[in-house]
Amino acid sequence: MSNAQGSSEPVTAKIQYNKLAEDWKHINTMIWGVPAVAISIMTGLVFAAYQPQLEGWPRILSLGVGALLLFALTVEVIKKSYS
């Protein structure tokens, strides 16, 4: 009886390992993907905000929206990495 249990333990451990490895693969993909999106968004917004025709409130508003999006993406990364 112990042989039957002993032979199934490595299979169970391998299944658990594969499941954990797949979960971490998705988390790592998301952790690296979200900052890339955030950098792209902020680059576009900073480029648009500092056009010569934009001054004052439109520039402040566009940079504020970018900061809000960056904050939201940061919170999402933190939530996903600690869940």
PDB file of N, CA and C in Angstrom:
ATOM      1  N   MET A   1       0.819  -1.189   0.000  1.00  0.00           N
ATOM      2  CA  MET A   1       0.000   0.000   0.000  1.00  0.00           C
ATOM      3  C   MET A   1       0.863   1.252   0.000  1.00  0.00           C
ATOM      4  N   SER A   2       1.986   1.220   0.676  1.00  0.00           N
ATOM      5  CA  SER A   2       2.857   2.391   0.693  1.00  0.00           C
ATOM      6  C   SER A   2       3.505   2.623  -0.670  1.00  0.00           C
ATOM      7  N   ASN A   3       3.695   1.547  -1.436  1.00  0.00           N
ATOM      8  CA  ASN A   3       4.256   1.718  -2.774  1.00  0.00           C
ATOM      9  C   ASN A   3       3.312   2.492  -3.677  1.00  0.00           C
ATOM     10  N   ALA A   4       2.008   2.226  -3.548  1.00  0.00           N
ATOM     11  CA  ALA A   4       1.042   2.935  -4.381  1.00  0.00           C
ATOM     12  C   ALA A   4       1.013   4.417  -4.027  1.00  0.00           C
ATOM     13  N   GLN A   5       1.081   4.716  -2.729  1.00  0.00           N
ATOM     14  CA  GLN A   5       1.092   6.120  -2.324  1.00  0.00           C
ATOM     15  C   GLN A   5       2.415   6.775  -2.697  1.00  0.00           C
ATOM     16  N   GLY A   6       3.491   6.062  -2.537  1.00  0.00           N
ATOM     17  CA  GLY A   6       4.801   6.608  -2.857  1.00  0.00           C
ATOM     18  C   GLY A   6       4.950   6.925  -4.334  1.00  0.00           C
ATOM     19  N   SER A   7       4.356   6.133  -5.194  1.00  0.00           N
ATOM     20  CA  SER A   7       4.481   6.377  -6.624  1.00  0.00           C
ATOM     21  C   SER A   7       3.601   7.535  -7.093  1.00  0.00           C
ATOM     22  N   SER A   8       2.521   7.850  -6.371  1.00  0.00           N
ATOM     23  CA  SER A   8       1.657   8.943  -6.787  1.00  0.00           C
ATOM     24  C   SER A   8       2.142  10.293  -6.271  1.00  0.00           C
ATOM     25  N   GLU A   9       2.963  10.290  -5.232  1.00  0.00           N
ATOM     26  CA  GLU A   9       3.444  11.555  -4.681  1.00  0.00           C
ATOM     27  C   GLU A   9       4.297  12.355  -5.664  1.00  0.00           C
ATOM     28  N   PRO A  10       5.241  11.730  -6.385  1.00  0.00           N
ATOM     29  CA  PRO A  10       6.004  12.525  -7.361  1.00  0.00           C
ATOM     30  C   PRO A  10       5.128  13.084  -8.484  1.00  0.00           C
ATOM     31  N   VAL A  11       4.113  12.360  -8.893  1.00  0.00           N
ATOM     32  CA  VAL A  11       3.220  12.842  -9.942  1.00  0.00           C
ATOM     33  C   VAL A  11       2.436  14.049  -9.434  1.00  0.00           C
ATOM     34  N   THR A  12       1.937  13.971  -8.202  1.00  0.00           N
ATOM     35  CA  THR A  12       1.190  15.080  -7.607  1.00  0.00           C
ATOM     36  C   THR A  12       2.087  16.294  -7.443  1.00  0.00           C
ATOM     37  N   ALA A  13       3.313  16.073  -6.990  1.00  0.00           N
ATOM     38  CA  ALA A  13       4.252  17.186  -6.820  1.00  0.00           C
ATOM     39  C   ALA A  13       4.567  17.830  -8.162  1.00  0.00           C
ATOM     40  N   LYS A  14       4.695  17.018  -9.206  1.00  0.00           N
ATOM     41  CA  LYS A  14       4.984  17.561 -10.529  1.00  0.00           C
ATOM     42  C   LYS A  14       3.804  18.379 -11.052  1.00  0.00           C
ATOM     43  N   ILE A  15       2.597  17.912 -10.819  1.00  0.00           N
ATOM     44  CA  ILE A  15       1.402  18.656 -11.240  1.00  0.00           C
ATOM     45  C   ILE A  15       1.330  19.989 -10.500  1.00  0.00           C
ATOM     46  N   GLN A  16       1.584  19.984  -9.199  1.00  0.00           N
ATOM     47  CA  GLN A  16       1.566  21.211  -8.413  1.00  0.00           C
ATOM     48  C   GLN A  16       2.655  22.177  -8.882  1.00  0.00           C
ATOM     49  N   TYR A  17       3.838  21.631  -9.149  1.00  0.00           N
ATOM     50  CA  TYR A  17       4.940  22.468  -9.620  1.00  0.00           C
ATOM     51  C   TYR A  17       4.591  23.122 -10.959  1.00  0.00           C
ATOM     52  N   ASN A  18       4.036  22.344 -11.870  1.00  0.00           N
ATOM     53  CA  ASN A  18       3.655  22.890 -13.187  1.00  0.00           C
ATOM     54  C   ASN A  18       2.589  23.974 -13.050  1.00  0.00           C
ATOM     55  N   LYS A  19       1.635  23.771 -12.161  1.00  0.00           N
ATOM     56  CA  LYS A  19       0.579  24.764 -11.946  1.00  0.00           C
ATOM     57  C   LYS A  19       1.181  26.055 -11.376  1.00  0.00           C
ATOM     58  N   LEU A  20       2.043  25.949 -10.378  1.00  0.00           N
ATOM     59  CA  LEU A  20       2.684  27.137  -9.795  1.00  0.00           C
ATOM     60  C   LEU A  20       3.578  27.845 -10.814  1.00  0.00           C
ATOM     61  N   ALA A  21       4.302  27.078 -11.605  1.00  0.00           N
ATOM     62  CA  ALA A  21       5.167  27.679 -12.619  1.00  0.00           C
ATOM     63  C   ALA A  21       4.338  28.440 -13.658  1.00  0.00           C
ATOM     64  N   GLU A  22       3.205  27.887 -14.035  1.00  0.00           N
ATOM     65  CA  GLU A  22       2.330  28.558 -15.001  1.00  0.00           C
ATOM     66  C   GLU A  22       1.747  29.842 -14.404  1.00  0.00           C
ATOM     67  N   ASP A  23       1.354  29.794 -13.132  1.00  0.00           N
ATOM     68  CA  ASP A  23       0.838  30.997 -12.461  1.00  0.00           C
ATOM     69  C   ASP A  23       1.894  32.091 -12.407  1.00  0.00           C
ATOM     70  N   TRP A  24       3.112  31.746 -12.036  1.00  0.00           N
ATOM     71  CA  TRP A  24       4.183  32.749 -11.956  1.00  0.00           C
ATOM     72  C   TRP A  24       4.550  33.288 -13.325  1.00  0.00           C
ATOM     73  N   LYS A  25       4.424  32.457 -14.347  1.00  0.00           N
ATOM     74  CA  LYS A  25       4.702  32.922 -15.701  1.00  0.00           C
ATOM     75  C   LYS A  25       3.728  34.025 -16.095  1.00  0.00           C
ATOM     76  N   HIS A  26       2.453  33.852 -15.765  1.00  0.00           N
ATOM     77  CA  HIS A  26       1.451  34.877 -16.064  1.00  0.00           C
ATOM     78  C   HIS A  26       1.690  36.136 -15.241  1.00  0.00           C
ATOM     79  N   ILE A  27       2.055  35.973 -13.980  1.00  0.00           N
ATOM     80  CA  ILE A  27       2.314  37.130 -13.118  1.00  0.00           C
ATOM     81  C   ILE A  27       3.523  37.900 -13.629  1.00  0.00           C
ATOM     82  N   ASN A  28       4.583  37.207 -13.986  1.00  0.00           N
ATOM     83  CA  ASN A  28       5.778  37.885 -14.498  1.00  0.00           C
ATOM     84  C   ASN A  28       5.496  38.603 -15.808  1.00  0.00           C
ATOM     85  N   THR A  29       4.700  37.996 -16.667  1.00  0.00           N
ATOM     86  CA  THR A  29       4.330  38.645 -17.925  1.00  0.00           C
ATOM     87  C   THR A  29       3.575  39.936 -17.653  1.00  0.00           C
ATOM     88  N   MET A  30       2.647  39.892 -16.705  1.00  0.00           N
ATOM     89  CA  MET A  30       1.853  41.071 -16.370  1.00  0.00           C
ATOM     90  C   MET A  30       2.720  42.132 -15.691  1.00  0.00           C
ATOM     91  N   ILE A  31       3.596  41.699 -14.794  1.00  0.00           N
ATOM     92  CA  ILE A  31       4.431  42.653 -14.067  1.00  0.00           C
ATOM     93  C   ILE A  31       5.359  43.407 -15.023  1.00  0.00           C
ATOM     94  N   TRP A  32       5.828  42.772 -16.078  1.00  0.00           N
ATOM     95  CA  TRP A  32       6.681  43.464 -17.045  1.00  0.00           C
ATOM     96  C   TRP A  32       5.880  44.163 -18.126  1.00  0.00           C
ATOM     97  N   GLY A  33       4.671  43.682 -18.410  1.00  0.00           N
ATOM     98  CA  GLY A  33       3.858  44.277 -19.462  1.00  0.00           C
ATOM     99  C   GLY A  33       3.207  45.586 -19.064  1.00  0.00           C
ATOM    100  N   VAL A  34       2.722  45.672 -17.834  1.00  0.00           N
ATOM    101  CA  VAL A  34       2.032  46.878 -17.383  1.00  0.00           C
ATOM    102  C   VAL A  34       2.965  48.090 -17.356  1.00  0.00           C
ATOM    103  N   PRO A  35       4.179  47.983 -16.821  1.00  0.00           N
ATOM    104  CA  PRO A  35       5.063  49.158 -16.886  1.00  0.00           C
ATOM    105  C   PRO A  35       5.404  49.583 -18.313  1.00  0.00           C
ATOM    106  N   ALA A  36       5.489  48.647 -19.226  1.00  0.00           N
ATOM    107  CA  ALA A  36       5.755  49.005 -20.617  1.00  0.00           C
ATOM    108  C   ALA A  36       4.599  49.820 -21.186  1.00  0.00           C
ATOM    109  N   VAL A  37       3.378  49.432 -20.858  1.00  0.00           N
ATOM    110  CA  VAL A  37       2.209  50.195 -21.293  1.00  0.00           C
ATOM    111  C   VAL A  37       2.207  51.566 -20.634  1.00  0.00           C
ATOM    112  N   ALA A  38       2.538  51.612 -19.352  1.00  0.00           N
ATOM    113  CA  ALA A  38       2.560  52.885 -18.621  1.00  0.00           C
ATOM    114  C   ALA A  38       3.591  53.845 -19.214  1.00  0.00           C
ATOM    115  N   ILE A  39       4.744  53.336 -19.558  1.00  0.00           N
ATOM    116  CA  ILE A  39       5.785  54.185 -20.149  1.00  0.00           C
ATOM    117  C   ILE A  39       5.335  54.699 -21.518  1.00  0.00           C
ATOM    118  N   SER A  40       4.687  53.848 -22.281  1.00  0.00           N
ATOM    119  CA  SER A  40       4.187  54.280 -23.590  1.00  0.00           C
ATOM    120  C   SER A  40       3.139  55.373 -23.453  1.00  0.00           C
ATOM    121  N   ILE A  41       2.205  55.188 -22.522  1.00  0.00           N
ATOM    122  CA  ILE A  41       1.169  56.193 -22.308  1.00  0.00           C
ATOM    123  C   ILE A  41       1.782  57.507 -21.858  1.00  0.00           C
ATOM    124  N   MET A  42       2.670  57.452 -20.890  1.00  0.00           N
ATOM    125  CA  MET A  42       3.263  58.680 -20.361  1.00  0.00           C
ATOM    126  C   MET A  42       4.135  59.372 -21.410  1.00  0.00           C
ATOM    127  N   THR A  43       4.842  58.617 -22.223  1.00  0.00           N
ATOM    128  CA  THR A  43       5.649  59.229 -23.272  1.00  0.00           C
ATOM    129  C   THR A  43       4.766  59.997 -24.254  1.00  0.00           C
ATOM    130  N   GLY A  44       3.670  59.372 -24.664  1.00  0.00           N
ATOM    131  CA  GLY A  44       2.750  60.044 -25.565  1.00  0.00           C
ATOM    132  C   GLY A  44       2.127  61.282 -24.951  1.00  0.00           C
ATOM    133  N   LEU A  45       1.738  61.189 -23.675  1.00  0.00           N
ATOM    134  CA  LEU A  45       1.124  62.337 -23.015  1.00  0.00           C
ATOM    135  C   LEU A  45       2.114  63.477 -22.777  1.00  0.00           C
ATOM    136  N   VAL A  46       3.328  63.147 -22.390  1.00  0.00           N
ATOM    137  CA  VAL A  46       4.336  64.201 -22.193  1.00  0.00           C
ATOM    138  C   VAL A  46       4.664  64.862 -23.525  1.00  0.00           C
ATOM    139  N   PHE A  47       4.789  64.066 -24.575  1.00  0.00           N
ATOM    140  CA  PHE A  47       5.055  64.624 -25.898  1.00  0.00           C
ATOM    141  C   PHE A  47       3.918  65.555 -26.334  1.00  0.00           C
ATOM    142  N   ALA A  48       2.683  65.128 -26.103  1.00  0.00           N
ATOM    143  CA  ALA A  48       1.529  65.949 -26.484  1.00  0.00           C
ATOM    144  C   ALA A  48       1.400  67.189 -25.597  1.00  0.00           C
ATOM    145  N   ALA A  49       1.714  67.046 -24.313  1.00  0.00           N
ATOM    146  CA  ALA A  49       1.539  68.166 -23.377  1.00  0.00           C
ATOM    147  C   ALA A  49       2.530  69.293 -23.640  1.00  0.00           C
ATOM    148  N   TYR A  50       3.691  68.978 -24.152  1.00  0.00           N
ATOM    149  CA  TYR A  50       4.707  70.007 -24.355  1.00  0.00           C
ATOM    150  C   TYR A  50       4.800  70.495 -25.794  1.00  0.00           C
ATOM    151  N   GLN A  51       3.693  70.397 -26.509  1.00  0.00           N
ATOM    152  CA  GLN A  51       3.616  71.021 -27.823  1.00  0.00           C
ATOM    153  C   GLN A  51       3.537  72.530 -27.634  1.00  0.00           C
ATOM    154  N   PRO A  52       4.088  73.299 -28.546  1.00  0.00           N
ATOM    155  CA  PRO A  52       4.118  74.761 -28.367  1.00  0.00           C
ATOM    156  C   PRO A  52       2.737  75.404 -28.205  1.00  0.00           C
ATOM    157  N   GLN A  53       1.711  74.852 -28.831  1.00  0.00           N
ATOM    158  CA  GLN A  53       0.399  75.474 -28.749  1.00  0.00           C
ATOM    159  C   GLN A  53      -0.329  75.166 -27.432  1.00  0.00           C
ATOM    160  N   LEU A  54       0.152  74.208 -26.665  1.00  0.00           N
ATOM    161  CA  LEU A  54      -0.483  73.889 -25.386  1.00  0.00           C
ATOM    162  C   LEU A  54       0.247  74.594 -24.249  1.00  0.00           C
ATOM    163  N   GLU A  55      -0.470  75.400 -23.530  1.00  0.00           N
ATOM    164  CA  GLU A  55       0.096  76.078 -22.367  1.00  0.00           C
ATOM    165  C   GLU A  55      -0.974  76.170 -21.306  1.00  0.00           C
ATOM    166  N   GLY A  56      -0.573  76.258 -20.084  1.00  0.00           N
ATOM    167  CA  GLY A  56      -1.504  76.463 -18.987  1.00  0.00           C
ATOM    168  C   GLY A  56      -2.317  75.234 -18.639  1.00  0.00           C
ATOM    169  N   TRP A  57      -3.644  75.434 -18.529  1.00  0.00           N
ATOM    170  CA  TRP A  57      -4.529  74.373 -18.067  1.00  0.00           C
ATOM    171  C   TRP A  57      -4.567  73.139 -18.963  1.00  0.00           C
ATOM    172  N   PRO A  58      -4.562  73.257 -20.280  1.00  0.00           N
ATOM    173  CA  PRO A  58      -4.548  72.021 -21.092  1.00  0.00           C
ATOM    174  C   PRO A  58      -3.320  71.152 -20.812  1.00  0.00           C
ATOM    175  N   ARG A  59      -2.173  71.786 -20.617  1.00  0.00           N
ATOM    176  CA  ARG A  59      -0.953  71.030 -20.307  1.00  0.00           C
ATOM    177  C   ARG A  59      -1.077  70.374 -18.926  1.00  0.00           C
ATOM    178  N   ILE A  60      -1.562  71.123 -17.964  1.00  0.00           N
ATOM    179  CA  ILE A  60      -1.716  70.588 -16.610  1.00  0.00           C
ATOM    180  C   ILE A  60      -2.724  69.438 -16.609  1.00  0.00           C
ATOM    181  N   LEU A  61      -3.817  69.603 -17.335  1.00  0.00           N
ATOM    182  CA  LEU A  61      -4.843  68.564 -17.400  1.00  0.00           C
ATOM    183  C   LEU A  61      -4.312  67.295 -18.057  1.00  0.00           C
ATOM    184  N   SER A  62      -3.598  67.425 -19.152  1.00  0.00           N
ATOM    185  CA  SER A  62      -3.078  66.224 -19.824  1.00  0.00           C
ATOM    186  C   SER A  62      -2.039  65.512 -18.975  1.00  0.00           C
ATOM    187  N   LEU A  63      -1.191  66.254 -18.296  1.00  0.00           N
ATOM    188  CA  LEU A  63      -0.216  65.613 -17.405  1.00  0.00           C
ATOM    189  C   LEU A  63      -0.903  65.001 -16.189  1.00  0.00           C
ATOM    190  N   GLY A  64      -1.972  65.620 -15.713  1.00  0.00           N
ATOM    191  CA  GLY A  64      -2.732  65.053 -14.599  1.00  0.00           C
ATOM    192  C   GLY A  64      -3.409  63.752 -14.962  1.00  0.00           C
ATOM    193  N   VAL A  65      -3.980  63.695 -16.158  1.00  0.00           N
ATOM    194  CA  VAL A  65      -4.597  62.451 -16.624  1.00  0.00           C
ATOM    195  C   VAL A  65      -3.532  61.356 -16.749  1.00  0.00           C
ATOM    196  N   GLY A  66      -2.381  61.712 -17.258  1.00  0.00           N
ATOM    197  CA  GLY A  66      -1.293  60.737 -17.362  1.00  0.00           C
ATOM    198  C   GLY A  66      -0.848  60.236 -16.006  1.00  0.00           C
ATOM    199  N   ALA A  67      -0.756  61.140 -15.034  1.00  0.00           N
ATOM    200  CA  ALA A  67      -0.378  60.735 -13.685  1.00  0.00           C
ATOM    201  C   ALA A  67      -1.423  59.809 -13.073  1.00  0.00           C
ATOM    202  N   LEU A  68      -2.705  60.103 -13.339  1.00  0.00           N
ATOM    203  CA  LEU A  68      -3.777  59.251 -12.831  1.00  0.00           C
ATOM    204  C   LEU A  68      -3.706  57.851 -13.452  1.00  0.00           C
ATOM    205  N   LEU A  69      -3.483  57.771 -14.752  1.00  0.00           N
ATOM    206  CA  LEU A  69      -3.346  56.465 -15.410  1.00  0.00           C
ATOM    207  C   LEU A  69      -2.133  55.704 -14.889  1.00  0.00           C
ATOM    208  N   LEU A  70      -1.043  56.403 -14.690  1.00  0.00           N
ATOM    209  CA  LEU A  70       0.161  55.757 -14.163  1.00  0.00           C
ATOM    210  C   LEU A  70      -0.085  55.225 -12.757  1.00  0.00           C
ATOM    211  N   PHE A  71      -0.782  55.996 -11.932  1.00  0.00           N
ATOM    212  CA  PHE A  71      -1.108  55.549 -10.580  1.00  0.00           C
ATOM    213  C   PHE A  71      -2.004  54.314 -10.623  1.00  0.00           C
ATOM    214  N   ALA A  72      -3.010  54.311 -11.497  1.00  0.00           N
ATOM    215  CA  ALA A  72      -3.917  53.166 -11.609  1.00  0.00           C
ATOM    216  C   ALA A  72      -3.173  51.907 -12.049  1.00  0.00           C
ATOM    217  N   LEU A  73      -2.270  52.050 -12.993  1.00  0.00           N
ATOM    218  CA  LEU A  73      -1.491  50.892 -13.442  1.00  0.00           C
ATOM    219  C   LEU A  73      -0.545  50.401 -12.351  1.00  0.00           C
ATOM    220  N   THR A  74       0.000  51.316 -11.566  1.00  0.00           N
ATOM    221  CA  THR A  74       0.873  50.926 -10.452  1.00  0.00           C
ATOM    222  C   THR A  74       0.089  50.142  -9.415  1.00  0.00           C
ATOM    223  N   VAL A  75      -1.102  50.602  -9.085  1.00  0.00           N
ATOM    224  CA  VAL A  75      -1.949  49.888  -8.130  1.00  0.00           C
ATOM    225  C   VAL A  75      -2.286  48.499  -8.664  1.00  0.00           C
ATOM    226  N   GLU A  76      -2.554  48.390  -9.944  1.00  0.00           N
ATOM    227  CA  GLU A  76      -2.872  47.092 -10.547  1.00  0.00           C
ATOM    228  C   GLU A  76      -1.692  46.123 -10.439  1.00  0.00           C
ATOM    229  N   VAL A  77      -0.494  46.598 -10.688  1.00  0.00           N
ATOM    230  CA  VAL A  77       0.691  45.742 -10.570  1.00  0.00           C
ATOM    231  C   VAL A  77       0.860  45.278  -9.128  1.00  0.00           C
ATOM    232  N   ILE A  78       0.674  46.179  -8.188  1.00  0.00           N
ATOM    233  CA  ILE A  78       0.820  45.806  -6.780  1.00  0.00           C
ATOM    234  C   ILE A  78      -0.234  44.789  -6.375  1.00  0.00           C
ATOM    235  N   LYS A  79      -1.469  44.990  -6.807  1.00  0.00           N
ATOM    236  CA  LYS A  79      -2.533  44.033  -6.479  1.00  0.00           C
ATOM    237  C   LYS A  79      -2.233  42.657  -7.052  1.00  0.00           C
ATOM    238  N   LYS A  80      -1.790  42.608  -8.292  1.00  0.00           N
ATOM    239  CA  LYS A  80      -1.522  41.318  -8.934  1.00  0.00           C
ATOM    240  C   LYS A  80      -0.304  40.619  -8.340  1.00  0.00           C
ATOM    241  N   SER A  81       0.680  41.369  -7.915  1.00  0.00           N
ATOM    242  CA  SER A  81       1.886  40.732  -7.394  1.00  0.00           C
ATOM    243  C   SER A  81       1.706  40.230  -5.969  1.00  0.00           C
ATOM    244  N   TYR A  82       0.760  40.771  -5.224  1.00  0.00           N
ATOM    245  CA  TYR A  82       0.527  40.321  -3.843  1.00  0.00           C
ATOM    246  C   TYR A  82      -0.700  39.443  -3.696  1.00  0.00           C
ATOM    247  N   SER A  83      -1.360  39.098  -4.782  1.00  0.00           N
ATOM    248  CA  SER A  83      -2.544  38.235  -4.651  1.00  0.00           C
ATOM    249  C   SER A  83      -2.220  36.803  -4.970  1.00  0.00           C
TER     250      SER A  83
END
